[in-house]
């Protein structure tokens, strides 16, 4: 742990950046099982926000493991560290005045709460993409459930590793048999109705 450091305050800060951009910075944190559609929804939601004139950035679970978190595996300890790093990066994006979207399984409530506690009130928006395990397993876009069931992957969330569903998310996006575009539209409308974007 670093010592003898202080946070240097700058004249251009989160408030001045937010005012310039005409938006309220947020972390819109999509959580759910593998195959629930988090990445697809985050991508479609970002597109809608961008078209609406918002400055956004999307942090995706797989993408950050190519660099920032490329040294981590999928043990519980590594998952915690993965989310800690993402939370710190998300905080920097919020400080820049940006609306940052994240798409991570993020299976542990304490880890999602860690990010929430880094931010100011109402800057963390937890979106629970609630899709039943059976549906996720049927979709299995990366073939990971099949590998987990065959014992080729250990510590796979929903199979042999726990997923702690959000207790009180800002948005509980329940599964409906609809297109990804329709679900993204529903999410966009829910966020608008709640004054979260």
N, C-alpha and C. Protein backbone atom coordinates (compact mmCIF):
# COMPACT_ATOMS: atom_id res chain seq x y z
N UNK A 1 0.85 -1.19 0.00
CA UNK A 1 0.00 0.00 0.00
C UNK A 1 0.89 1.24 0.00
N UNK A 2 0.61 2.15 -0.92
CA UNK A 2 1.40 3.39 -1.01
C UNK A 2 1.11 4.29 0.18
N UNK A 3 2.15 4.97 0.65
CA UNK A 3 2.01 5.90 1.77
C UNK A 3 2.55 7.27 1.36
N UNK A 4 2.28 8.26 2.19
CA UNK A 4 2.77 9.62 1.96
C UNK A 4 2.32 10.20 0.62
N UNK A 5 1.07 9.92 0.26
CA UNK A 5 0.51 10.49 -0.97
C UNK A 5 -0.78 11.23 -0.63
N UNK A 6 -1.08 12.25 -1.39
CA UNK A 6 -2.33 12.99 -1.22
C UNK A 6 -2.97 13.17 -2.58
N UNK A 7 -4.31 13.32 -2.57
CA UNK A 7 -5.02 13.54 -3.83
C UNK A 7 -4.84 15.00 -4.23
N UNK A 8 -4.28 15.23 -5.42
CA UNK A 8 -4.05 16.59 -5.90
C UNK A 8 -5.33 17.11 -6.55
N UNK A 9 -5.84 18.23 -6.05
CA UNK A 9 -7.06 18.82 -6.59
C UNK A 9 -6.72 19.75 -7.75
N UNK A 10 -7.49 19.62 -8.83
CA UNK A 10 -7.26 20.42 -10.04
C UNK A 10 -8.41 21.39 -10.24
N UNK A 11 -8.15 22.47 -10.95
CA UNK A 11 -9.19 23.45 -11.20
C UNK A 11 -10.26 22.90 -12.15
N UNK A 12 -9.85 22.11 -13.13
CA UNK A 12 -10.81 21.42 -13.98
C UNK A 12 -11.13 20.11 -13.28
N UNK A 13 -12.37 19.97 -12.85
CA UNK A 13 -12.74 18.80 -12.04
C UNK A 13 -14.00 18.13 -12.59
N UNK A 14 -14.51 17.18 -11.84
CA UNK A 14 -15.68 16.42 -12.29
C UNK A 14 -16.85 17.35 -12.59
N UNK A 15 -17.09 18.31 -11.73
CA UNK A 15 -18.23 19.21 -11.93
C UNK A 15 -18.07 20.05 -13.18
N UNK A 16 -16.88 20.62 -13.38
CA UNK A 16 -16.68 21.46 -14.57
C UNK A 16 -16.75 20.62 -15.85
N UNK A 17 -16.24 19.40 -15.79
CA UNK A 17 -16.33 18.52 -16.97
C UNK A 17 -17.78 18.14 -17.24
N UNK A 18 -18.52 17.79 -16.20
CA UNK A 18 -19.92 17.41 -16.35
C UNK A 18 -20.74 18.57 -16.91
N UNK A 19 -20.48 19.77 -16.40
CA UNK A 19 -21.19 20.95 -16.90
C UNK A 19 -20.90 21.17 -18.38
N UNK A 20 -19.64 21.02 -18.75
CA UNK A 20 -19.24 21.21 -20.16
C UNK A 20 -19.93 20.19 -21.07
N UNK A 21 -20.04 18.95 -20.57
CA UNK A 21 -20.65 17.87 -21.36
C UNK A 21 -22.17 17.88 -21.29
N UNK A 22 -22.72 18.58 -20.30
CA UNK A 22 -24.17 18.64 -20.16
C UNK A 22 -24.78 17.30 -19.77
N UNK A 23 -24.09 16.57 -18.91
CA UNK A 23 -24.60 15.27 -18.48
C UNK A 23 -24.14 14.99 -17.06
N UNK A 24 -24.83 14.04 -16.44
CA UNK A 24 -24.46 13.60 -15.10
C UNK A 24 -23.65 12.31 -15.24
N UNK A 25 -22.39 12.31 -14.80
CA UNK A 25 -21.58 11.09 -14.93
C UNK A 25 -22.14 9.98 -14.07
N UNK A 26 -22.04 8.77 -14.58
CA UNK A 26 -22.61 7.61 -13.91
C UNK A 26 -21.78 6.39 -14.24
N UNK A 27 -21.91 5.37 -13.40
CA UNK A 27 -21.52 4.01 -13.76
C UNK A 27 -22.81 3.22 -13.88
N UNK A 28 -23.08 2.72 -15.06
CA UNK A 28 -24.23 1.83 -15.26
C UNK A 28 -23.66 0.42 -15.30
N UNK A 29 -23.83 -0.30 -14.20
CA UNK A 29 -23.16 -1.58 -13.97
C UNK A 29 -24.11 -2.73 -14.26
N UNK A 30 -23.93 -3.38 -15.40
CA UNK A 30 -24.76 -4.54 -15.75
C UNK A 30 -24.14 -5.80 -15.17
N UNK A 31 -24.91 -6.51 -14.38
CA UNK A 31 -24.47 -7.76 -13.77
C UNK A 31 -25.48 -8.86 -14.06
N UNK A 32 -25.00 -10.06 -14.19
CA UNK A 32 -25.86 -11.21 -14.47
C UNK A 32 -24.99 -12.38 -14.89
N UNK A 33 -25.63 -13.52 -15.05
CA UNK A 33 -24.91 -14.73 -15.43
C UNK A 33 -24.30 -14.62 -16.82
N UNK A 34 -23.30 -15.46 -17.07
CA UNK A 34 -22.74 -15.58 -18.41
C UNK A 34 -23.87 -15.98 -19.36
N UNK A 35 -23.96 -15.31 -20.49
CA UNK A 35 -25.02 -15.63 -21.46
C UNK A 35 -26.31 -14.87 -21.22
N UNK A 36 -26.34 -14.01 -20.21
CA UNK A 36 -27.57 -13.25 -19.94
C UNK A 36 -27.76 -12.11 -20.94
N UNK A 37 -26.70 -11.76 -21.65
CA UNK A 37 -26.80 -10.70 -22.66
C UNK A 37 -26.24 -9.36 -22.21
N UNK A 38 -25.47 -9.35 -21.14
CA UNK A 38 -24.93 -8.09 -20.59
C UNK A 38 -24.14 -7.30 -21.63
N UNK A 39 -23.20 -7.95 -22.29
CA UNK A 39 -22.34 -7.24 -23.25
C UNK A 39 -23.15 -6.71 -24.43
N UNK A 40 -24.06 -7.51 -24.92
CA UNK A 40 -24.91 -7.09 -26.04
C UNK A 40 -25.77 -5.90 -25.64
N UNK A 41 -26.38 -5.99 -24.45
CA UNK A 41 -27.23 -4.89 -23.96
C UNK A 41 -26.42 -3.63 -23.71
N UNK A 42 -25.25 -3.79 -23.09
CA UNK A 42 -24.40 -2.62 -22.82
C UNK A 42 -24.00 -1.94 -24.12
N UNK A 43 -23.69 -2.72 -25.14
CA UNK A 43 -23.32 -2.18 -26.46
C UNK A 43 -24.48 -1.41 -27.07
N UNK A 44 -25.67 -2.00 -27.03
CA UNK A 44 -26.85 -1.35 -27.61
C UNK A 44 -27.24 -0.10 -26.81
N UNK A 45 -27.13 -0.20 -25.49
CA UNK A 45 -27.45 0.95 -24.64
C UNK A 45 -26.47 2.09 -24.88
N UNK A 46 -25.18 1.75 -24.99
CA UNK A 46 -24.19 2.79 -25.26
C UNK A 46 -24.50 3.49 -26.58
N UNK A 47 -24.87 2.72 -27.58
CA UNK A 47 -25.20 3.31 -28.88
C UNK A 47 -26.35 4.30 -28.75
N UNK A 48 -27.39 3.92 -27.99
CA UNK A 48 -28.54 4.79 -27.79
C UNK A 48 -28.14 6.08 -27.05
N UNK A 49 -27.32 5.92 -26.02
CA UNK A 49 -26.86 7.09 -25.26
C UNK A 49 -25.99 8.00 -26.13
N UNK A 50 -25.12 7.39 -26.92
CA UNK A 50 -24.23 8.16 -27.80
C UNK A 50 -25.05 8.94 -28.82
N UNK A 51 -26.06 8.27 -29.39
CA UNK A 51 -26.94 8.94 -30.35
C UNK A 51 -27.74 10.06 -29.69
N UNK A 52 -27.93 9.94 -28.38
CA UNK A 52 -28.65 10.94 -27.60
C UNK A 52 -27.73 12.09 -27.17
N UNK A 53 -26.48 12.07 -27.65
CA UNK A 53 -25.55 13.15 -27.38
C UNK A 53 -24.71 12.99 -26.12
N UNK A 54 -24.72 11.80 -25.53
CA UNK A 54 -23.97 11.56 -24.30
C UNK A 54 -22.56 11.06 -24.63
N UNK A 55 -21.60 11.48 -23.80
CA UNK A 55 -20.24 10.94 -23.90
C UNK A 55 -20.18 9.70 -23.03
N UNK A 56 -19.84 8.58 -23.63
CA UNK A 56 -19.88 7.29 -22.94
C UNK A 56 -18.60 6.51 -23.15
N UNK A 57 -18.43 5.48 -22.31
CA UNK A 57 -17.38 4.50 -22.55
C UNK A 57 -17.85 3.17 -21.96
N UNK A 58 -17.60 2.08 -22.69
CA UNK A 58 -18.04 0.76 -22.27
C UNK A 58 -16.84 -0.10 -21.86
N UNK A 59 -16.88 -0.56 -20.62
CA UNK A 59 -15.88 -1.51 -20.11
C UNK A 59 -16.53 -2.89 -20.12
N UNK A 60 -15.99 -3.78 -20.93
CA UNK A 60 -16.55 -5.12 -21.08
C UNK A 60 -15.64 -6.16 -20.43
N UNK A 61 -16.26 -7.15 -19.78
CA UNK A 61 -15.52 -8.15 -19.03
C UNK A 61 -14.42 -8.85 -19.81
N UNK A 62 -14.73 -9.32 -21.00
CA UNK A 62 -13.72 -10.01 -21.81
C UNK A 62 -12.63 -9.04 -22.28
N UNK A 63 -13.05 -7.85 -22.70
CA UNK A 63 -12.08 -6.89 -23.26
C UNK A 63 -11.01 -6.48 -22.27
N UNK A 64 -11.40 -6.23 -21.00
CA UNK A 64 -10.39 -5.77 -20.04
C UNK A 64 -9.42 -6.88 -19.66
N UNK A 65 -9.80 -8.12 -19.91
CA UNK A 65 -8.90 -9.23 -19.61
C UNK A 65 -7.83 -9.41 -20.70
N UNK A 66 -7.91 -8.63 -21.74
CA UNK A 66 -6.84 -8.64 -22.75
C UNK A 66 -5.68 -7.74 -22.34
N UNK A 67 -5.90 -6.88 -21.34
CA UNK A 67 -4.85 -5.95 -20.95
C UNK A 67 -4.81 -5.72 -19.46
N UNK A 68 -5.62 -4.80 -18.99
CA UNK A 68 -5.64 -4.38 -17.58
C UNK A 68 -5.70 -5.56 -16.62
N UNK A 69 -6.50 -6.55 -16.93
CA UNK A 69 -6.68 -7.69 -16.03
C UNK A 69 -6.21 -9.00 -16.67
N UNK A 70 -5.30 -8.87 -17.63
CA UNK A 70 -4.81 -10.05 -18.34
C UNK A 70 -4.02 -11.02 -17.48
N UNK A 71 -3.58 -10.57 -16.32
CA UNK A 71 -2.79 -11.44 -15.43
C UNK A 71 -3.67 -12.20 -14.44
N UNK A 72 -4.99 -12.05 -14.53
CA UNK A 72 -5.89 -12.67 -13.56
C UNK A 72 -6.59 -13.89 -14.15
N UNK A 73 -6.84 -14.86 -13.27
CA UNK A 73 -7.64 -16.02 -13.65
C UNK A 73 -9.07 -15.84 -13.20
N UNK A 74 -9.74 -16.96 -12.85
CA UNK A 74 -11.15 -16.90 -12.49
C UNK A 74 -11.43 -17.48 -11.11
N UNK A 75 -10.40 -17.58 -10.29
CA UNK A 75 -10.64 -17.98 -8.90
C UNK A 75 -11.41 -16.87 -8.21
N UNK A 76 -12.01 -17.16 -7.07
CA UNK A 76 -12.74 -16.12 -6.33
C UNK A 76 -11.84 -14.93 -6.04
N UNK A 77 -10.58 -15.20 -5.64
CA UNK A 77 -9.64 -14.12 -5.33
C UNK A 77 -9.37 -13.25 -6.55
N UNK A 78 -9.16 -13.89 -7.70
CA UNK A 78 -8.90 -13.14 -8.93
C UNK A 78 -10.12 -12.36 -9.40
N UNK A 79 -11.30 -12.93 -9.18
CA UNK A 79 -12.54 -12.22 -9.56
C UNK A 79 -12.69 -10.94 -8.73
N UNK A 80 -12.37 -11.04 -7.45
CA UNK A 80 -12.45 -9.87 -6.58
C UNK A 80 -11.48 -8.79 -7.06
N UNK A 81 -10.26 -9.18 -7.39
CA UNK A 81 -9.26 -8.22 -7.87
C UNK A 81 -9.67 -7.62 -9.22
N UNK A 82 -10.23 -8.44 -10.08
CA UNK A 82 -10.72 -7.97 -11.38
C UNK A 82 -11.73 -6.83 -11.18
N UNK A 83 -12.70 -7.05 -10.32
CA UNK A 83 -13.73 -6.03 -10.09
C UNK A 83 -13.16 -4.82 -9.35
N UNK A 84 -12.19 -5.03 -8.47
CA UNK A 84 -11.56 -3.89 -7.79
C UNK A 84 -10.90 -2.97 -8.82
N UNK A 85 -10.15 -3.56 -9.75
CA UNK A 85 -9.48 -2.76 -10.77
C UNK A 85 -10.49 -2.02 -11.65
N UNK A 86 -11.51 -2.73 -12.06
CA UNK A 86 -12.54 -2.13 -12.92
C UNK A 86 -13.23 -0.98 -12.19
N UNK A 87 -13.49 -1.18 -10.91
CA UNK A 87 -14.15 -0.14 -10.11
C UNK A 87 -13.32 1.13 -10.06
N UNK A 88 -12.01 0.96 -9.88
CA UNK A 88 -11.12 2.13 -9.83
C UNK A 88 -11.07 2.84 -11.19
N UNK A 89 -11.06 2.07 -12.27
CA UNK A 89 -11.06 2.67 -13.61
C UNK A 89 -12.39 3.38 -13.85
N UNK A 90 -13.49 2.74 -13.46
CA UNK A 90 -14.81 3.35 -13.63
C UNK A 90 -14.89 4.68 -12.87
N UNK A 91 -14.31 4.72 -11.68
CA UNK A 91 -14.31 5.95 -10.89
C UNK A 91 -13.58 7.07 -11.65
N UNK A 92 -12.47 6.75 -12.30
CA UNK A 92 -11.75 7.74 -13.08
C UNK A 92 -12.59 8.26 -14.25
N UNK A 93 -13.32 7.35 -14.89
CA UNK A 93 -14.20 7.77 -15.99
C UNK A 93 -15.29 8.70 -15.48
N UNK A 94 -15.86 8.39 -14.32
CA UNK A 94 -16.87 9.27 -13.73
C UNK A 94 -16.27 10.63 -13.43
N UNK A 95 -15.05 10.65 -12.93
CA UNK A 95 -14.37 11.91 -12.65
C UNK A 95 -14.16 12.72 -13.93
N UNK A 96 -14.06 12.04 -15.06
CA UNK A 96 -13.89 12.74 -16.34
C UNK A 96 -15.22 13.29 -16.87
N UNK A 97 -16.33 12.98 -16.17
CA UNK A 97 -17.64 13.45 -16.59
C UNK A 97 -18.37 12.50 -17.51
N UNK A 98 -17.80 11.32 -17.71
CA UNK A 98 -18.31 10.33 -18.65
C UNK A 98 -19.35 9.43 -18.02
N UNK A 99 -20.28 8.94 -18.85
CA UNK A 99 -21.18 7.86 -18.45
C UNK A 99 -20.49 6.56 -18.86
N UNK A 100 -20.09 5.78 -17.87
CA UNK A 100 -19.39 4.54 -18.16
C UNK A 100 -20.34 3.37 -17.95
N UNK A 101 -20.37 2.47 -18.91
CA UNK A 101 -21.17 1.26 -18.81
C UNK A 101 -20.22 0.10 -18.57
N UNK A 102 -20.62 -0.83 -17.72
CA UNK A 102 -19.81 -2.02 -17.50
C UNK A 102 -20.66 -3.26 -17.73
N UNK A 103 -20.04 -4.30 -18.24
CA UNK A 103 -20.71 -5.58 -18.45
C UNK A 103 -19.82 -6.67 -17.86
N UNK A 104 -20.11 -7.02 -16.61
CA UNK A 104 -19.34 -8.02 -15.88
C UNK A 104 -20.28 -8.95 -15.13
N UNK A 105 -19.94 -10.22 -15.10
CA UNK A 105 -20.73 -11.13 -14.25
C UNK A 105 -20.73 -10.58 -12.84
N UNK A 106 -19.57 -10.17 -12.35
CA UNK A 106 -19.40 -9.60 -11.00
C UNK A 106 -20.30 -10.34 -10.01
N UNK A 107 -19.94 -11.59 -9.69
CA UNK A 107 -20.86 -12.46 -8.96
C UNK A 107 -21.07 -12.12 -7.49
N UNK A 108 -20.20 -11.30 -6.90
CA UNK A 108 -20.30 -11.06 -5.46
C UNK A 108 -20.82 -9.66 -5.15
N UNK A 109 -21.83 -9.60 -4.29
CA UNK A 109 -22.44 -8.33 -3.93
C UNK A 109 -21.43 -7.37 -3.30
N UNK A 110 -20.54 -7.89 -2.47
CA UNK A 110 -19.56 -7.02 -1.81
C UNK A 110 -18.67 -6.31 -2.83
N UNK A 111 -18.38 -6.97 -3.95
CA UNK A 111 -17.54 -6.35 -4.97
C UNK A 111 -18.29 -5.24 -5.70
N UNK A 112 -19.56 -5.48 -6.01
CA UNK A 112 -20.36 -4.43 -6.64
C UNK A 112 -20.54 -3.26 -5.68
N UNK A 113 -20.72 -3.58 -4.41
CA UNK A 113 -20.85 -2.51 -3.40
C UNK A 113 -19.55 -1.74 -3.25
N UNK A 114 -18.41 -2.39 -3.48
CA UNK A 114 -17.12 -1.70 -3.44
C UNK A 114 -17.12 -0.54 -4.43
N UNK A 115 -17.58 -0.82 -5.66
CA UNK A 115 -17.63 0.24 -6.67
C UNK A 115 -18.62 1.31 -6.25
N UNK A 116 -19.78 0.91 -5.78
CA UNK A 116 -20.79 1.88 -5.34
C UNK A 116 -20.20 2.83 -4.28
N UNK A 117 -19.44 2.27 -3.36
CA UNK A 117 -18.89 3.06 -2.25
C UNK A 117 -17.74 3.97 -2.66
N UNK A 118 -17.17 3.75 -3.84
CA UNK A 118 -16.13 4.64 -4.37
C UNK A 118 -16.73 5.94 -4.92
N UNK A 119 -18.01 5.89 -5.23
CA UNK A 119 -18.66 6.98 -5.95
C UNK A 119 -19.59 7.76 -5.04
N UNK A 120 -20.05 8.88 -5.55
CA UNK A 120 -21.03 9.67 -4.81
C UNK A 120 -22.41 9.07 -4.98
N UNK A 121 -23.33 9.53 -4.15
CA UNK A 121 -24.71 9.02 -4.20
C UNK A 121 -25.30 9.21 -5.59
N UNK A 122 -25.95 8.19 -6.08
CA UNK A 122 -26.65 8.15 -7.37
C UNK A 122 -25.71 8.06 -8.57
N UNK A 123 -24.40 7.94 -8.34
CA UNK A 123 -23.48 7.79 -9.47
C UNK A 123 -23.31 6.32 -9.87
N UNK A 124 -23.73 5.40 -9.02
CA UNK A 124 -23.63 3.97 -9.33
C UNK A 124 -25.04 3.44 -9.57
N UNK A 125 -25.24 2.89 -10.76
CA UNK A 125 -26.55 2.36 -11.15
C UNK A 125 -26.39 0.86 -11.42
N UNK A 126 -26.87 0.05 -10.49
CA UNK A 126 -26.77 -1.40 -10.64
C UNK A 126 -27.95 -1.90 -11.45
N UNK A 127 -27.65 -2.59 -12.55
CA UNK A 127 -28.67 -3.16 -13.42
C UNK A 127 -28.53 -4.68 -13.38
N UNK A 128 -29.53 -5.33 -12.81
CA UNK A 128 -29.51 -6.79 -12.73
C UNK A 128 -30.17 -7.36 -13.97
N UNK A 129 -29.37 -7.94 -14.84
CA UNK A 129 -29.88 -8.59 -16.05
C UNK A 129 -30.28 -10.01 -15.64
N UNK A 130 -31.53 -10.15 -15.27
CA UNK A 130 -32.05 -11.36 -14.64
C UNK A 130 -32.59 -12.34 -15.68
N UNK A 131 -31.72 -13.23 -16.10
CA UNK A 131 -32.08 -14.27 -17.07
C UNK A 131 -31.86 -15.61 -16.41
N UNK A 132 -32.86 -16.51 -16.43
CA UNK A 132 -32.71 -17.81 -15.77
C UNK A 132 -31.51 -18.59 -16.29
N UNK A 133 -30.90 -19.35 -15.39
CA UNK A 133 -29.73 -20.17 -15.74
C UNK A 133 -30.02 -21.05 -16.95
N UNK A 134 -31.20 -21.65 -16.98
CA UNK A 134 -31.55 -22.56 -18.09
C UNK A 134 -31.51 -21.84 -19.43
N UNK A 135 -31.95 -20.59 -19.46
CA UNK A 135 -31.94 -19.82 -20.70
C UNK A 135 -30.50 -19.46 -21.08
N UNK A 136 -29.71 -19.04 -20.09
CA UNK A 136 -28.30 -18.71 -20.34
C UNK A 136 -27.55 -19.92 -20.88
N UNK A 137 -27.85 -21.07 -20.26
CA UNK A 137 -27.17 -22.30 -20.67
C UNK A 137 -27.60 -22.73 -22.07
N UNK A 138 -28.85 -22.48 -22.40
CA UNK A 138 -29.33 -22.80 -23.74
C UNK A 138 -28.67 -21.89 -24.78
N UNK A 139 -28.50 -20.64 -24.43
CA UNK A 139 -27.85 -19.70 -25.36
C UNK A 139 -26.38 -20.07 -25.52
N UNK A 140 -25.66 -20.17 -24.41
CA UNK A 140 -24.25 -20.56 -24.34
C UNK A 140 -23.43 -20.06 -25.53
N UNK A 141 -23.37 -18.72 -25.74
CA UNK A 141 -22.74 -18.19 -26.95
C UNK A 141 -21.27 -18.53 -27.12
N UNK A 142 -20.57 -18.78 -26.01
CA UNK A 142 -19.14 -19.08 -26.09
C UNK A 142 -18.84 -20.56 -25.82
N UNK A 143 -19.89 -21.35 -25.62
CA UNK A 143 -19.69 -22.78 -25.32
C UNK A 143 -19.11 -23.04 -23.94
N UNK A 144 -19.22 -22.06 -23.04
CA UNK A 144 -18.60 -22.18 -21.72
C UNK A 144 -19.39 -23.08 -20.77
N UNK A 145 -20.71 -23.02 -20.85
CA UNK A 145 -21.53 -23.88 -19.98
C UNK A 145 -21.27 -25.35 -20.30
N UNK A 146 -21.18 -25.66 -21.58
CA UNK A 146 -20.91 -27.04 -21.99
C UNK A 146 -19.57 -27.50 -21.43
N UNK A 147 -18.55 -26.64 -21.53
CA UNK A 147 -17.23 -26.98 -21.00
C UNK A 147 -17.28 -27.14 -19.48
N UNK A 148 -18.04 -26.25 -18.81
CA UNK A 148 -18.15 -26.33 -17.35
C UNK A 148 -18.85 -27.62 -16.94
N UNK A 149 -19.90 -27.98 -17.64
CA UNK A 149 -20.64 -29.22 -17.34
C UNK A 149 -19.77 -30.45 -17.58
N UNK A 150 -18.84 -30.35 -18.53
CA UNK A 150 -17.94 -31.46 -18.84
C UNK A 150 -16.70 -31.47 -17.95
N UNK A 151 -16.61 -30.50 -17.02
CA UNK A 151 -15.48 -30.44 -16.11
C UNK A 151 -14.23 -29.82 -16.70
N UNK A 152 -14.35 -29.20 -17.89
CA UNK A 152 -13.19 -28.59 -18.54
C UNK A 152 -12.89 -27.21 -17.98
N UNK A 153 -13.89 -26.56 -17.36
CA UNK A 153 -13.72 -25.25 -16.74
C UNK A 153 -14.14 -25.36 -15.28
N UNK A 154 -13.29 -24.91 -14.39
CA UNK A 154 -13.60 -24.92 -12.96
C UNK A 154 -14.02 -23.52 -12.52
N UNK A 155 -14.73 -23.43 -11.42
CA UNK A 155 -15.16 -22.16 -10.83
C UNK A 155 -16.01 -21.34 -11.80
N UNK A 156 -16.91 -22.01 -12.50
CA UNK A 156 -17.76 -21.30 -13.46
C UNK A 156 -19.05 -20.86 -12.78
N UNK A 157 -19.31 -19.56 -12.84
CA UNK A 157 -20.45 -18.97 -12.15
C UNK A 157 -21.76 -19.61 -12.60
N UNK A 158 -22.55 -20.01 -11.61
CA UNK A 158 -23.85 -20.62 -11.89
C UNK A 158 -23.79 -22.14 -11.92
N UNK A 159 -22.58 -22.69 -12.11
CA UNK A 159 -22.41 -24.14 -12.15
C UNK A 159 -21.71 -24.60 -10.88
N UNK A 160 -20.45 -24.24 -10.69
CA UNK A 160 -19.75 -24.64 -9.46
C UNK A 160 -19.15 -23.45 -8.72
N UNK A 161 -19.65 -22.25 -9.05
CA UNK A 161 -19.26 -21.04 -8.33
C UNK A 161 -20.52 -20.19 -8.16
N UNK A 162 -20.61 -19.54 -7.03
CA UNK A 162 -21.82 -18.81 -6.64
C UNK A 162 -22.03 -17.52 -7.43
N UNK A 163 -23.30 -17.22 -7.71
CA UNK A 163 -23.69 -15.90 -8.19
C UNK A 163 -24.65 -15.31 -7.16
N UNK A 164 -24.29 -14.17 -6.60
CA UNK A 164 -25.14 -13.49 -5.64
C UNK A 164 -25.94 -12.42 -6.37
N UNK A 165 -27.22 -12.70 -6.57
CA UNK A 165 -28.08 -11.75 -7.27
C UNK A 165 -28.20 -10.46 -6.46
N UNK A 166 -28.25 -9.32 -7.14
CA UNK A 166 -28.40 -8.04 -6.43
C UNK A 166 -29.63 -8.04 -5.52
N UNK A 167 -29.44 -7.47 -4.35
CA UNK A 167 -30.52 -7.41 -3.35
C UNK A 167 -31.48 -6.27 -3.67
N UNK A 168 -30.94 -5.12 -4.04
CA UNK A 168 -31.77 -3.95 -4.28
C UNK A 168 -31.20 -3.11 -5.43
N UNK A 169 -31.20 -3.67 -6.66
CA UNK A 169 -30.62 -2.93 -7.78
C UNK A 169 -31.49 -1.73 -8.16
N UNK A 170 -30.86 -0.73 -8.75
CA UNK A 170 -31.64 0.40 -9.26
C UNK A 170 -32.59 -0.05 -10.37
N UNK A 171 -32.14 -1.01 -11.17
CA UNK A 171 -32.98 -1.54 -12.25
C UNK A 171 -32.90 -3.07 -12.22
N UNK A 172 -34.06 -3.70 -12.10
CA UNK A 172 -34.15 -5.16 -12.17
C UNK A 172 -34.76 -5.47 -13.54
N UNK A 173 -33.90 -5.86 -14.48
CA UNK A 173 -34.32 -6.12 -15.86
C UNK A 173 -34.64 -7.61 -15.99
N UNK A 174 -35.90 -7.93 -15.82
CA UNK A 174 -36.31 -9.33 -15.85
C UNK A 174 -36.38 -9.85 -17.28
N UNK A 175 -36.11 -11.14 -17.41
CA UNK A 175 -36.09 -11.80 -18.72
C UNK A 175 -37.46 -11.79 -19.37
N UNK A 176 -37.47 -11.46 -20.64
CA UNK A 176 -38.65 -11.63 -21.50
C UNK A 176 -38.12 -12.22 -22.80
N UNK A 177 -38.93 -13.04 -23.42
CA UNK A 177 -38.54 -13.65 -24.69
C UNK A 177 -38.71 -12.61 -25.79
N UNK A 178 -37.69 -11.77 -25.95
CA UNK A 178 -37.74 -10.68 -26.91
C UNK A 178 -36.35 -10.48 -27.50
N UNK A 179 -36.26 -9.68 -28.51
CA UNK A 179 -34.96 -9.42 -29.15
C UNK A 179 -34.07 -8.59 -28.23
N UNK A 180 -32.77 -8.63 -28.50
CA UNK A 180 -31.83 -7.82 -27.73
C UNK A 180 -32.14 -6.34 -27.90
N UNK A 181 -32.55 -5.95 -29.10
CA UNK A 181 -32.89 -4.55 -29.36
C UNK A 181 -34.09 -4.11 -28.52
N UNK A 182 -35.09 -4.98 -28.41
CA UNK A 182 -36.28 -4.65 -27.60
C UNK A 182 -35.92 -4.56 -26.13
N UNK A 183 -35.03 -5.44 -25.67
CA UNK A 183 -34.60 -5.41 -24.28
C UNK A 183 -33.80 -4.15 -23.99
N UNK A 184 -32.92 -3.77 -24.92
CA UNK A 184 -32.13 -2.54 -24.76
C UNK A 184 -33.04 -1.31 -24.72
N UNK A 185 -34.05 -1.31 -25.55
CA UNK A 185 -35.03 -0.21 -25.56
C UNK A 185 -35.76 -0.15 -24.22
N UNK A 186 -36.13 -1.31 -23.69
CA UNK A 186 -36.80 -1.38 -22.39
C UNK A 186 -35.88 -0.86 -21.29
N UNK A 187 -34.60 -1.24 -21.35
CA UNK A 187 -33.64 -0.77 -20.35
C UNK A 187 -33.45 0.74 -20.46
N UNK A 188 -33.29 1.25 -21.65
CA UNK A 188 -33.13 2.68 -21.88
C UNK A 188 -34.32 3.44 -21.29
N UNK A 189 -35.53 2.94 -21.53
CA UNK A 189 -36.74 3.59 -21.03
C UNK A 189 -36.82 3.53 -19.51
N UNK A 190 -36.44 2.39 -18.93
CA UNK A 190 -36.46 2.26 -17.46
C UNK A 190 -35.48 3.24 -16.81
N UNK A 191 -34.29 3.34 -17.38
CA UNK A 191 -33.29 4.28 -16.86
C UNK A 191 -33.78 5.72 -16.96
N UNK A 192 -34.44 6.04 -18.07
CA UNK A 192 -35.00 7.39 -18.25
C UNK A 192 -36.11 7.66 -17.25
N UNK A 193 -37.01 6.70 -17.09
CA UNK A 193 -38.15 6.87 -16.19
C UNK A 193 -37.69 7.11 -14.75
N UNK A 194 -36.58 6.48 -14.38
CA UNK A 194 -36.05 6.61 -13.02
C UNK A 194 -35.10 7.80 -12.88
N UNK A 195 -34.90 8.55 -13.97
CA UNK A 195 -34.03 9.72 -13.93
C UNK A 195 -32.56 9.37 -13.75
N UNK A 196 -32.16 8.22 -14.27
CA UNK A 196 -30.79 7.74 -14.06
C UNK A 196 -29.86 8.03 -15.24
N UNK A 197 -30.42 8.54 -16.34
CA UNK A 197 -29.59 8.94 -17.48
C UNK A 197 -30.10 10.29 -18.01
